[in-house]
C-alpha atoms as a PDB file:
ATOM      1  CA  MET A   1      -3.622   2.626  -8.903  1.00  0.00           C
ATOM      2  CA  THR A   2      -1.079   5.470  -8.524  1.00  0.00           C
ATOM      3  CA  THR A   3      -2.041   6.130  -4.902  1.00  0.00           C
ATOM      4  CA  LYS A   4      -1.868   2.429  -4.071  1.00  0.00           C
ATOM      5  CA  ILE A   5       1.633   2.000  -5.499  1.00  0.00           C
ATOM      6  CA  LYS A   6       2.923   5.135  -3.775  1.00  0.00           C
ATOM      7  CA  PHE A   7       1.464   3.916  -0.488  1.00  0.00           C
ATOM      8  CA  ILE A   8       3.188   0.553  -0.864  1.00  0.00           C
ATOM      9  CA  LEU A   9       6.520   2.201  -1.655  1.00  0.00           C
ATOM     10  CA  PHE A  10       6.213   4.581   1.264  1.00  0.00           C
ATOM     11  CA  ALA A  11       5.250   1.797   3.671  1.00  0.00           C
ATOM     12  CA  ALA A  12       8.218  -0.294   2.545  1.00  0.00           C
ATOM     13  CA  ILE A  13      10.641   2.607   2.976  1.00  0.00           C
ATOM     14  CA  ALA A  14       9.288   3.476   6.421  1.00  0.00           C
ATOM     15  CA  ALA A  15       9.391  -0.123   7.623  1.00  0.00           C
ATOM     16  CA  LEU A  16      12.931  -0.649   6.405  1.00  0.00           C
ATOM     17  CA  ALA A  17      14.221   2.607   7.824  1.00  0.00           C
ATOM     18  CA  PHE A  18      12.865   2.092  11.319  1.00  0.00           C
ATOM     19  CA  SER A  19      12.665  -1.647  11.884  1.00  0.00           C
ATOM     20  CA  CYS A  20      15.846  -3.039  10.328  1.00  0.00           C
ATOM     21  CA  GLY A  21      18.395  -0.954  12.189  1.00  0.00           C
ATOM     22  CA  ASN A  22      19.525  -3.641  14.648  1.00  0.00           C
ATOM     23  CA  GLY A  23      21.433  -5.897  12.246  1.00  0.00           C
ATOM     24  CA  SER A  24      23.747  -3.916  10.043  1.00  0.00           C
ATOM     25  CA  LYS A  25      27.042  -4.264   8.295  1.00  0.00           C
ATOM     26  CA  PRO A  26      28.552  -2.233   5.471  1.00  0.00           C
ATOM     27  CA  ALA A  27      27.110  -2.912   2.052  1.00  0.00           C
ATOM     28  CA  SER A  28      30.660  -3.521   0.861  1.00  0.00           C
ATOM     29  CA  ASN A  29      33.981  -4.239   2.544  1.00  0.00           C
ATOM     30  CA  GLN A  30      35.466  -1.430   0.523  1.00  0.00           C
ATOM     31  CA  GLN A  31      33.576   1.740   1.272  1.00  0.00           C
ATOM     32  CA  THR A  32      33.976   4.057  -1.699  1.00  0.00           C
ATOM     33  CA  ASP A  33      33.031   7.678  -2.189  1.00  0.00           C
ATOM     34  CA  ALA A  34      29.749   8.492  -3.927  1.00  0.00           C
ATOM     35  CA  ILE A  35      30.180   8.341  -7.690  1.00  0.00           C
ATOM     36  CA  ALA A  36      31.461  11.646  -9.016  1.00  0.00           C
ATOM     37  CA  ASP A  37      32.512  10.918 -12.589  1.00  0.00           C
ATOM     38  CA  THR A  38      29.162  10.299 -14.268  1.00  0.00           C
ATOM     39  CA  LYS A  39      30.910   9.310 -17.507  1.00  0.00           C
ATOM     40  CA  ALA A  40      32.078   6.141 -15.747  1.00  0.00           C
ATOM     41  CA  LEU A  41      28.536   5.117 -14.871  1.00  0.00           C
ATOM     42  CA  ASN A  42      26.848   2.314 -16.763  1.00  0.00           C
ATOM     43  CA  PHE A  43      23.267   1.529 -15.826  1.00  0.00           C
ATOM     44  CA  ASP A  44      22.618  -1.003 -18.596  1.00  0.00           C
ATOM     45  CA  ASN A  45      22.473  -3.903 -16.140  1.00  0.00           C
ATOM     46  CA  VAL A  46      20.151  -1.912 -13.899  1.00  0.00           C
ATOM     47  CA  LEU A  47      17.796  -1.210 -16.802  1.00  0.00           C
ATOM     48  CA  LYS A  48      17.213  -4.950 -17.243  1.00  0.00           C
ATOM     49  CA  CYS A  49      17.461  -5.874 -13.562  1.00  0.00           C
ATOM     50  CA  HIS A  50      13.743  -6.017 -12.786  1.00  0.00           C
ATOM     51  CA  ALA A  51      10.371  -6.094 -14.525  1.00  0.00           C
ATOM     52  CA  TYR A  52       8.527  -2.856 -15.275  1.00  0.00           C
ATOM     53  CA  SER A  53       4.886  -2.071 -14.633  1.00  0.00           C
ATOM     54  CA  TYR A  54       2.759   0.761 -16.004  1.00  0.00           C
ATOM     55  CA  ASN A  55       1.765   3.526 -13.608  1.00  0.00           C
ATOM     56  CA  ASP A  56       0.105   6.831 -14.500  1.00  0.00           C
ATOM     57  CA  GLY A  57       1.888   7.662 -17.754  1.00  0.00           C
ATOM     58  CA  TYR A  58       5.223   5.941 -17.168  1.00  0.00           C
ATOM     59  CA  PHE A  59       6.741   2.536 -16.409  1.00  0.00           C
ATOM     60  CA  MET A  60       8.634   1.785 -13.213  1.00  0.00           C
ATOM     61  CA  THR A  61      10.491  -1.100 -11.625  1.00  0.00           C
ATOM     62  CA  ALA A  62       8.085  -2.899  -9.302  1.00  0.00           C
ATOM     63  CA  ASP A  63       8.466  -3.855  -5.629  1.00  0.00           C
ATOM     64  CA  TYR A  64      11.758  -2.507  -4.221  1.00  0.00           C
ATOM     65  CA  GLY A  65      13.270  -1.781  -7.617  1.00  0.00           C
ATOM     66  CA  CYS A  66      16.745  -3.077  -8.439  1.00  0.00           C
ATOM     67  CA  ILE A  67      18.449  -4.017  -5.169  1.00  0.00           C
ATOM     68  CA  TYR A  68      22.217  -3.791  -4.756  1.00  0.00           C
ATOM     69  CA  ASN A  69      24.005  -7.064  -5.500  1.00  0.00           C
ATOM     70  CA  PRO A  70      27.781  -7.062  -4.819  1.00  0.00           C
ATOM     71  CA  ASN A  71      28.123 -10.355  -6.703  1.00  0.00           C
ATOM     72  CA  GLY A  72      26.982  -8.909 -10.015  1.00  0.00           C
ATOM     73  CA  GLY A  73      24.093  -7.326 -11.868  1.00  0.00           C
ATOM     74  CA  ASN A  74      23.716  -4.149  -9.839  1.00  0.00           C
ATOM     75  CA  THR A  75      26.938  -3.246  -8.035  1.00  0.00           C
ATOM     76  CA  LEU A  76      26.108   0.459  -7.668  1.00  0.00           C
ATOM     77  CA  GLY A  77      23.424   0.599  -4.943  1.00  0.00           C
ATOM     78  CA  ASN A  78      19.663   0.425  -4.561  1.00  0.00           C
ATOM     79  CA  ALA A  79      17.968   1.782  -7.676  1.00  0.00           C
ATOM     80  CA  VAL A  80      14.436   2.493  -8.846  1.00  0.00           C
ATOM     81  CA  VAL A  81      13.997   3.073 -12.582  1.00  0.00           C
ATOM     82  CA  TYR A  82      11.315   5.154 -14.299  1.00  0.00           C
ATOM     83  CA  LEU A  83      10.764   5.042 -18.063  1.00  0.00           C
ATOM     84  CA  VAL A  84       8.822   8.042 -19.367  1.00  0.00           C
ATOM     85  CA  PRO A  85       7.711   7.591 -22.997  1.00  0.00           C
ATOM     86  CA  GLN A  86       9.030  10.289 -25.312  1.00  0.00           C
ATOM     87  CA  LYS A  87       5.770  10.136 -27.247  1.00  0.00           C
ATOM     88  CA  ASP A  88       2.270  10.315 -25.797  1.00  0.00           C
ATOM     89  CA  LEU A  89       1.026   6.972 -24.550  1.00  0.00           C
ATOM     90  CA  ASN A  90      -2.626   6.530 -23.644  1.00  0.00           C
ATOM     91  CA  VAL A  91      -3.118   3.213 -21.858  1.00  0.00           C
ATOM     92  CA  THR A  92      -6.472   1.932 -20.625  1.00  0.00           C
ATOM     93  CA  ASP A  93      -6.798  -0.552 -17.788  1.00  0.00           C
ATOM     94  CA  ASP A  94      -7.475  -3.313 -20.304  1.00  0.00           C
ATOM     95  CA  GLN A  95      -4.223  -2.541 -22.136  1.00  0.00           C
ATOM     96  CA  ILE A  96      -1.857  -2.421 -19.140  1.00  0.00           C
ATOM     97  CA  ALA A  97      -0.871  -6.109 -19.177  1.00  0.00           C
ATOM     98  CA  ALA A  98      -0.062  -6.003 -22.897  1.00  0.00           C
ATOM     99  CA  GLU A  99       1.938  -2.762 -22.567  1.00  0.00           C
ATOM    100  CA  ASN A 100       3.919  -4.174 -19.623  1.00  0.00           C
ATOM    101  CA  LYS A 101       4.796  -7.254 -21.676  1.00  0.00           C
ATOM    102  CA  LYS A 102       5.848  -5.096 -24.616  1.00  0.00           C
ATOM    103  CA  VAL A 103       8.104  -2.848 -22.514  1.00  0.00           C
ATOM    104  CA  ASN A 104       9.746  -5.727 -20.642  1.00  0.00           C
ATOM    105  CA  ALA A 105      10.689  -7.345 -23.957  1.00  0.00           C
ATOM    106  CA  LEU A 106      12.831  -4.350 -24.983  1.00  0.00           C
ATOM    107  CA  ASN A 107      16.592  -4.116 -24.455  1.00  0.00           C
ATOM    108  CA  ALA A 108      18.601  -1.315 -22.860  1.00  0.00           C
ATOM    109  CA  ASP A 109      19.372   0.418 -26.167  1.00  0.00           C
ATOM    110  CA  GLN A 110      15.668   0.535 -27.039  1.00  0.00           C
ATOM    111  CA  TYR A 111      14.875   2.087 -23.662  1.00  0.00           C
ATOM    112  CA  LYS A 112      17.460   4.807 -24.334  1.00  0.00           C
ATOM    113  CA  LYS A 113      15.988   5.502 -27.758  1.00  0.00           C
ATOM    114  CA  ASP A 114      12.277   5.633 -26.932  1.00  0.00           C
ATOM    115  CA  TYR A 115      12.099   6.749 -23.287  1.00  0.00           C
ATOM    116  CA  ASN A 116      13.365   9.463 -20.998  1.00  0.00           C
ATOM    117  CA  ILE A 117      15.060   7.405 -18.279  1.00  0.00           C
ATOM    118  CA  TYR A 118      15.282   8.454 -14.632  1.00  0.00           C
ATOM    119  CA  ILE A 119      17.199   6.252 -12.200  1.00  0.00           C
ATOM    120  CA  PHE A 120      16.932   7.062  -8.504  1.00  0.00           C
ATOM    121  CA  LEU A 121      20.078   5.659  -6.891  1.00  0.00           C
ATOM    122  CA  ILE A 122      21.078   5.274  -3.250  1.00  0.00           C
ATOM    123  CA  ASP A 123      24.793   4.545  -3.454  1.00  0.00           C
ATOM    124  CA  LYS A 124      26.001   1.347  -1.765  1.00  0.00           C
ATOM    125  CA  LYS A 125      27.939   3.396   0.821  1.00  0.00           C
ATOM    126  CA  TYR A 126      24.567   4.419   2.295  1.00  0.00           C
ATOM    127  CA  LEU A 127      23.242   0.867   2.653  1.00  0.00           C
ATOM    128  CA  ASN A 128      22.975  -1.503   5.617  1.00  0.00           C
ATOM    129  CA  TYR A 129      22.803  -5.285   5.372  1.00  0.00           C
ATOM    130  CA  SER A 130      20.484  -7.762   7.073  1.00  0.00           C
ATOM    131  CA  LYS A 131      20.612 -11.377   5.925  1.00  0.00           C
ATOM    132  CA  ASP A 132      16.983 -11.879   7.002  1.00  0.00           C
ATOM    133  CA  GLY A 133      15.772  -8.560   5.625  1.00  0.00           C
ATOM    134  CA  ASP A 134      13.408  -8.038   2.734  1.00  0.00           C
ATOM    135  CA  PRO A 135      15.324  -6.638   0.949  1.00  0.00           C
ATOM    136  CA  VAL A 136      18.668  -7.635   2.471  1.00  0.00           C
ATOM    137  CA  TYR A 137      20.196  -4.241   1.603  1.00  0.00           C
ATOM    138  CA  TYR A 138      18.347  -1.169   2.823  1.00  0.00           C
ATOM    139  CA  GLN A 139      19.235   2.494   3.250  1.00  0.00           C
ATOM    140  CA  LYS A 140      20.629   3.958   6.443  1.00  0.00           C
ATOM    141  CA  ASP A 141      18.698   6.619   8.345  1.00  0.00           C
ATOM    142  CA  LYS A 142      20.992   9.248   6.815  1.00  0.00           C
ATOM    143  CA  PHE A 143      21.593   8.920   3.090  1.00  0.00           C
ATOM    144  CA  THR A 144      21.854  10.825  -0.173  1.00  0.00           C
ATOM    145  CA  GLU A 145      19.835   9.838  -3.213  1.00  0.00           C
ATOM    146  CA  VAL A 146      20.731  11.014  -6.727  1.00  0.00           C
ATOM    147  CA  VAL A 147      18.541  10.820  -9.815  1.00  0.00           C
ATOM    148  CA  TYR A 148      20.425  10.143 -13.042  1.00  0.00           C
ATOM    149  CA  THR A 149      19.168  10.486 -16.591  1.00  0.00           C
ATOM    150  CA  TYR A 150      20.580   9.336 -19.901  1.00  0.00           C
ATOM    151  CA  ASP A 151      21.746  11.872 -22.491  1.00  0.00           C
ATOM    152  CA  ASN A 152      21.543  10.406 -25.988  1.00  0.00           C
ATOM    153  CA  ALA A 153      23.665  13.168 -27.491  1.00  0.00           C
ATOM    154  CA  SER A 154      26.735  12.438 -25.347  1.00  0.00           C
ATOM    155  CA  GLY A 155      25.978   8.835 -24.403  1.00  0.00           C
ATOM    156  CA  ASN A 156      26.523   9.722 -20.748  1.00  0.00           C
ATOM    157  CA  TRP A 157      24.489   9.347 -17.577  1.00  0.00           C
ATOM    158  CA  ASN A 158      24.113  12.741 -15.889  1.00  0.00           C
ATOM    159  CA  ALA A 159      22.984  13.667 -12.402  1.00  0.00           C
ATOM    160  CA  ALA A 160      19.750  15.680 -12.595  1.00  0.00           C
ATOM    161  CA  ASP A 161      18.948  16.243  -8.916  1.00  0.00           C
ATOM    162  CA  SER A 162      19.662  14.914  -5.431  1.00  0.00           C
ATOM    163  CA  VAL A 163      18.308  14.895  -1.902  1.00  0.00           C
ATOM    164  CA  SER A 164      19.974  14.327   1.477  1.00  0.00           C
ATOM    165  CA  VAL A 165      17.717  12.553   3.987  1.00  0.00           C
ATOM    166  CA  ASN A 166      18.217  12.604   7.737  1.00  0.00           C
ATOM    167  CA  GLY A 167      15.913   9.917   9.148  1.00  0.00           C
ATOM    168  CA  ASP A 168      12.631  11.030   7.556  1.00  0.00           C
ATOM    169  CA  PRO A 169      11.527   8.688   4.734  1.00  0.00           C
ATOM    170  CA  LYS A 170       8.674  11.060   3.843  1.00  0.00           C
ATOM    171  CA  GLN A 171      11.272  13.595   2.710  1.00  0.00           C
ATOM    172  CA  GLU A 172      12.633  11.224   0.052  1.00  0.00           C
ATOM    173  CA  GLN A 173       9.192  10.248  -1.211  1.00  0.00           C
ATOM    174  CA  THR A 174       8.031  13.876  -1.426  1.00  0.00           C
ATOM    175  CA  TRP A 175      11.172  14.868  -3.324  1.00  0.00           C
ATOM    176  CA  ARG A 176      10.783  11.960  -5.742  1.00  0.00           C
ATOM    177  CA  ASP A 177       7.076  12.649  -6.320  1.00  0.00           C
ATOM    178  CA  ASN A 178       7.788  16.317  -7.036  1.00  0.00           C
ATOM    179  CA  PHE A 179      10.594  15.465  -9.457  1.00  0.00           C
ATOM    180  CA  LEU A 180       8.451  12.960 -11.348  1.00  0.00           C
ATOM    181  CA  SER A 181       5.569  15.392 -11.451  1.00  0.00           C
ATOM    182  CA  ASN A 182       7.816  17.991 -13.092  1.00  0.00           C
ATOM    183  CA  VAL A 183       9.281  15.693 -15.733  1.00  0.00           C
ATOM    184  CA  THR A 184       6.019  13.962 -16.629  1.00  0.00           C
ATOM    185  CA  SER A 185       3.987  17.169 -16.847  1.00  0.00           C
ATOM    186  CA  LYS A 186       6.242  18.620 -19.564  1.00  0.00           C
ATOM    187  CA  PRO A 187       5.277  18.115 -23.210  1.00  0.00           C
ATOM    188  CA  LYS A 188       6.597  14.768 -24.443  1.00  0.00           C
ATOM    189  CA  GLN A 189       9.723  15.044 -26.580  1.00  0.00           C
ATOM    190  CA  GLN A 190       9.956  13.553 -30.007  1.00  0.00           C
ATOM    191  CA  ALA A 191      12.863  11.213 -30.677  1.00  0.00           C
ATOM    192  CA  THR A 192      15.148  14.018 -31.883  1.00  0.00           C
ATOM    193  CA  THR A 193      18.011  15.964 -30.356  1.00  0.00           C
ATOM    194  CA  ALA A 194      16.865  18.849 -28.165  1.00  0.00           C
ATOM    195  CA  THR A 195      18.025  22.354 -29.044  1.00  0.00           C
ATOM    196  CA  THR A 196      17.432  23.805 -25.594  1.00  0.00           C
ATOM    197  CA  ALA A 197      17.243  22.413 -22.085  1.00  0.00           C
ATOM    198  CA  THR A 198      15.628  23.344 -18.813  1.00  0.00           C
ATOM    199  CA  THR A 199      18.403  23.464 -16.234  1.00  0.00           C
ATOM    200  CA  GLY A 200      17.785  24.869 -12.791  1.00  0.00           C
ATOM    201  CA  GLY A 201      14.485  26.314 -13.950  1.00  0.00           C
ATOM    202  CA  THR A 202      15.996  28.216 -16.889  1.00  0.00           C
ATOM    203  CA  THR A 203      16.276  27.376 -20.589  1.00  0.00           C
ATOM    204  CA  VAL A 204      19.886  26.754 -21.638  1.00  0.00           C
ATOM    205  CA  ALA A 205      20.834  26.596 -25.323  1.00  0.00           C
ATOM    206  CA  ASP A 206      22.467  23.409 -26.567  1.00  0.00           C
ATOM    207  CA  LYS A 207      25.552  25.341 -27.682  1.00  0.00           C
ATOM    208  CA  TRP A 208      26.669  25.120 -24.046  1.00  0.00           C
ATOM    209  CA  PHE A 209      26.299  21.342 -23.790  1.00  0.00           C
ATOM    210  CA  GLY A 210      29.560  19.527 -23.085  1.00  0.00           C
ATOM    211  CA  THR A 211      32.302  18.973 -20.508  1.00  0.00           C
ATOM    212  CA  TYR A 212      34.848  21.709 -19.831  1.00  0.00           C
ATOM    213  CA  GLU A 213      38.058  21.268 -17.841  1.00  0.00           C
ATOM    214  CA  PHE A 214      41.036  23.146 -16.453  1.00  0.00           C
ATOM    215  CA  ASN A 215      43.737  22.548 -13.848  1.00  0.00           C
ATOM    216  CA  ILE A 216      44.830  24.799 -11.012  1.00  0.00           C
ATOM    217  CA  ASP A 217      48.523  24.891 -10.056  1.00  0.00           C
ATOM    218  CA  GLU A 218      49.358  22.019 -12.407  1.00  0.00           C
ATOM    219  CA  ASP A 219      52.981  23.245 -12.636  1.00  0.00           C
ATOM    220  CA  HIS A 220      53.414  23.579  -8.881  1.00  0.00           C
ATOM    221  CA  PRO A 221      56.418  21.594  -7.579  1.00  0.00           C
ATOM    222  CA  ASP A 222      54.201  20.003  -4.927  1.00  0.00           C
ATOM    223  CA  TRP A 223      51.630  17.809  -6.732  1.00  0.00           C
ATOM    224  CA  ARG A 224      49.294  18.091  -3.731  1.00  0.00           C
ATOM    225  CA  ASP A 225      48.599  21.713  -4.650  1.00  0.00           C
ATOM    226  CA  MET A 226      47.071  20.802  -8.035  1.00  0.00           C
ATOM    227  CA  GLN A 227      43.294  20.598  -8.506  1.00  0.00           C
ATOM    228  CA  LYS A 228      41.381  19.379 -11.539  1.00  0.00           C
ATOM    229  CA  ILE A 229      38.144  21.270 -12.181  1.00  0.00           C
ATOM    230  CA  SER A 230      35.382  20.259 -14.571  1.00  0.00           C
ATOM    231  CA  LEU A 231      31.997  21.672 -15.546  1.00  0.00           C
ATOM    232  CA  THR A 232      29.525  19.367 -17.303  1.00  0.00           C
ATOM    233  CA  ILE A 233      26.481  20.952 -18.948  1.00  0.00           C
ATOM    234  CA  SER A 234      23.741  18.743 -20.366  1.00  0.00           C
ATOM    235  CA  LYS A 235      20.059  18.996 -21.209  1.00  0.00           C
ATOM    236  CA  ASP A 236      19.207  17.970 -17.639  1.00  0.00           C
ATOM    237  CA  SER A 237      21.839  19.437 -15.353  1.00  0.00           C
ATOM    238  CA  VAL A 238      24.959  21.485 -14.707  1.00  0.00           C
ATOM    239  CA  VAL A 239      27.503  19.597 -12.599  1.00  0.00           C
ATOM    240  CA  TYR A 240      30.639  21.046 -10.992  1.00  0.00           C
ATOM    241  CA  HIS A 241      33.422  18.670  -9.961  1.00  0.00           C
ATOM    242  CA  ALA A 242      36.754  19.347  -8.261  1.00  0.00           C
ATOM    243  CA  GLU A 243      39.319  16.719  -7.381  1.00  0.00           C
ATOM    244  CA  GLY A 244      42.798  16.822  -5.903  1.00  0.00           C
ATOM    245  CA  TYR A 245      44.694  15.887  -2.781  1.00  0.00           C
ATOM    246  CA  GLN A 246      42.038  15.295  -0.093  1.00  0.00           C
ATOM    247  CA  ILE A 247      39.498  17.111  -2.291  1.00  0.00           C
ATOM    248  CA  ASP A 248      36.487  15.532  -3.985  1.00  0.00           C
ATOM    249  CA  GLN A 249      33.539  17.872  -4.557  1.00  0.00           C
ATOM    250  CA  THR A 250      30.539  17.324  -6.838  1.00  0.00           C
ATOM    251  CA  TYR A 251      27.694  19.871  -6.877  1.00  0.00           C
ATOM    252  CA  LEU A 252      24.589  20.504  -8.904  1.00  0.00           C
ATOM    253  CA  LEU A 253      24.414  24.090 -10.141  1.00  0.00           C
ATOM    254  CA  SER A 254      21.569  26.179 -11.510  1.00  0.00           C
ATOM    255  CA  ALA A 255      22.153  28.137 -14.713  1.00  0.00           C
ATOM    256  CA  THR A 256      20.730  31.304 -16.245  1.00  0.00           C
ATOM    257  CA  ASP A 257      21.454  31.685 -19.951  1.00  0.00           C
ATOM    258  CA  ASN A 258      22.180  35.295 -20.925  1.00  0.00           C
ATOM    259  CA  GLY A 259      23.006  34.449 -24.534  1.00  0.00           C
ATOM    260  CA  SER A 260      26.753  35.042 -24.460  1.00  0.00           C
ATOM    261  CA  SER A 261      27.239  33.677 -20.946  1.00  0.00           C
ATOM    262  CA  LEU A 262      25.780  31.498 -18.195  1.00  0.00           C
ATOM    263  CA  LYS A 263      25.226  32.735 -14.666  1.00  0.00           C
ATOM    264  CA  LEU A 264      25.890  29.838 -12.286  1.00  0.00           C
ATOM    265  CA  GLN A 265      24.732  29.312  -8.712  1.00  0.00           C
ATOM    266  CA  TYR A 266      25.167  26.476  -6.212  1.00  0.00           C
ATOM    267  CA  LYS A 267      22.069  24.260  -5.923  1.00  0.00           C
ATOM    268  CA  SER A 268      22.809  21.049  -3.977  1.00  0.00           C
ATOM    269  CA  PRO A 269      25.514  18.426  -3.279  1.00  0.00           C
ATOM    270  CA  ILE A 270      25.587  15.167  -5.197  1.00  0.00           C
ATOM    271  CA  ASP A 271      27.844  13.149  -2.913  1.00  0.00           C
ATOM    272  CA  ASN A 272      26.633  14.606   0.417  1.00  0.00           C
ATOM    273  CA  THR A 273      29.900  16.481   0.989  1.00  0.00           C
ATOM    274  CA  GLU A 274      30.006  20.268   1.084  1.00  0.00           C
ATOM    275  CA  SER A 275      32.954  22.610   1.462  1.00  0.00           C
ATOM    276  CA  ALA A 276      32.968  25.184   4.257  1.00  0.00           C
ATOM    277  CA  VAL A 277      33.523  27.754   1.495  1.00  0.00           C
ATOM    278  CA  LEU A 278      29.793  27.480   0.743  1.00  0.00           C
ATOM    279  CA  ASP A 279      29.180  29.307   4.014  1.00  0.00           C
ATOM    280  CA  LYS A 280      30.982  32.273   2.475  1.00  0.00           C
ATOM    281  CA  THR A 281      29.590  32.154  -1.058  1.00  0.00           C
ATOM    282  CA  LYS A 282      27.349  30.049  -3.263  1.00  0.00           C
ATOM    283  CA  ASP A 283      28.177  32.182  -6.273  1.00  0.00           C
ATOM    284  CA  PHE A 284      29.719  30.091  -9.073  1.00  0.00           C
ATOM    285  CA  GLY A 285      30.067  33.156 -11.223  1.00  0.00           C
ATOM    286  CA  THR A 286      29.867  33.568 -14.983  1.00  0.00           C
ATOM    287  CA  PHE A 287      30.812  31.075 -17.684  1.00  0.00           C
ATOM    288  CA  SER A 288      31.311  32.650 -21.115  1.00  0.00           C
ATOM    289  CA  ASN A 289      32.608  32.135 -24.633  1.00  0.00           C
ATOM    290  CA  ASP A 290      33.924  34.932 -26.851  1.00  0.00           C
ATOM    291  CA  GLY A 291      33.914  32.713 -29.930  1.00  0.00           C
ATOM    292  CA  LYS A 292      37.444  31.448 -29.323  1.00  0.00           C
ATOM    293  CA  THR A 293      37.930  30.846 -25.606  1.00  0.00           C
ATOM    294  CA  TYR A 294      35.773  29.501 -22.805  1.00  0.00           C
ATOM    295  CA  LYS A 295      36.277  31.528 -19.632  1.00  0.00           C
ATOM    296  CA  TRP A 296      34.934  31.170 -16.122  1.00  0.00           C
ATOM    297  CA  VAL A 297      34.958  33.862 -13.441  1.00  0.00           C
ATOM    298  CA  CYS A 298      34.032  31.975 -10.270  1.00  0.00           C
ATOM    299  CA  PRO A 299      34.081  33.468  -6.744  1.00  0.00           C
ATOM    300  CA  TYR A 300      33.689  30.006  -5.199  1.00  0.00           C
ATOM    301  CA  ILE A 301      36.828  28.711  -6.937  1.00  0.00           C
ATOM    302  CA  ASP A 302      38.703  31.933  -6.127  1.00  0.00           C
ATOM    303  CA  ILE A 303      38.074  31.471  -2.397  1.00  0.00           C
ATOM    304  CA  SER A 304      38.615  27.710  -2.455  1.00  0.00           C
ATOM    305  CA  PHE A 305      41.856  27.536  -4.429  1.00  0.00           C
ATOM    306  CA  GLY A 306      43.021  31.040  -5.256  1.00  0.00           C
ATOM    307  CA  SER A 307      43.298  32.767  -1.853  1.00  0.00           C
ATOM    308  CA  GLY A 308      40.281  34.900  -2.753  1.00  0.00           C
ATOM    309  CA  LYS A 309      41.969  36.590  -5.725  1.00  0.00           C
ATOM    310  CA  SER A 310      39.529  37.031  -8.601  1.00  0.00           C
ATOM    311  CA  MET A 311      40.739  35.835 -11.972  1.00  0.00           C
ATOM    312  CA  PRO A 312      39.300  34.334 -15.184  1.00  0.00           C
ATOM    313  CA  TYR A 313      39.930  30.647 -15.725  1.00  0.00           C
ATOM    314  CA  LYS A 314      40.367  29.333 -19.266  1.00  0.00           C
ATOM    315  CA  LEU A 315      38.716  25.971 -19.939  1.00  0.00           C
ATOM    316  CA  ASN A 316      39.149  23.326 -22.620  1.00  0.00           C
ATOM    317  CA  LYS A 317      36.074  21.641 -24.069  1.00  0.00           C
ATOM    318  CA  LYS A 318      36.439  17.879 -24.336  1.00  0.00           C
END
């Protein structure tokens, strides 16, 4: 059953990518940047947008998933939702129909409580429109897809990984399969708060979880010289975000926990935009706490906003 569903998904993606290109218009009249502030995201409507079906240890939205609808429901983009039970679930073929019915009767809050949720989202800015298409909104040849997961501790949706595709639908499917294989092969979590997290392949203690912020040149007489920097650390990801005049950067970072500090390294873009500074360094330095102050020594930030001068940045935890 797993192979059959994957084949259907792959065939649909390939057909849409290569046969629907003639009739296209923007998915929205107002083209917006890819979502950077994950705290503003709300996927509750997406969670109840489409029926779920059981597949190899998890439940997923059937057919094309939850298609973008600018008139309401799902106004974010094309989404496919996976619900991975936090407790072991052994389902026989005879039990699938009953389990599907049970899961589809739950509400969004129950999903958040009992399942690890993974939402694969292609933002609306990467969609084309065809009134005769099936579905009517489909991804462009070049697009970025981000997988978000819900963090019960903070109540936020956090980006866990992303992929940028350039015309090859197999690339997206391979990336998604590998991600799902990693998250479903781990021991199932009980419905309690985690004390450590695997981020970028390394265990990070929960004492680091949170959002940290600081401003650069906030007292400068020219407001265009100010940048707002944030670092969000959760059980699933480490996300760097910088915003300012003509600046909007959101990157996934990997983290190595050394006990008193985190060693950070660039991993991938979330919104498909990368600074030229990454050609010079992908080193996001060391994030530390001496018991009183959070400090960040970051070569990437030094080159981007500090003329290359190395200095420690003091951050406030929200």
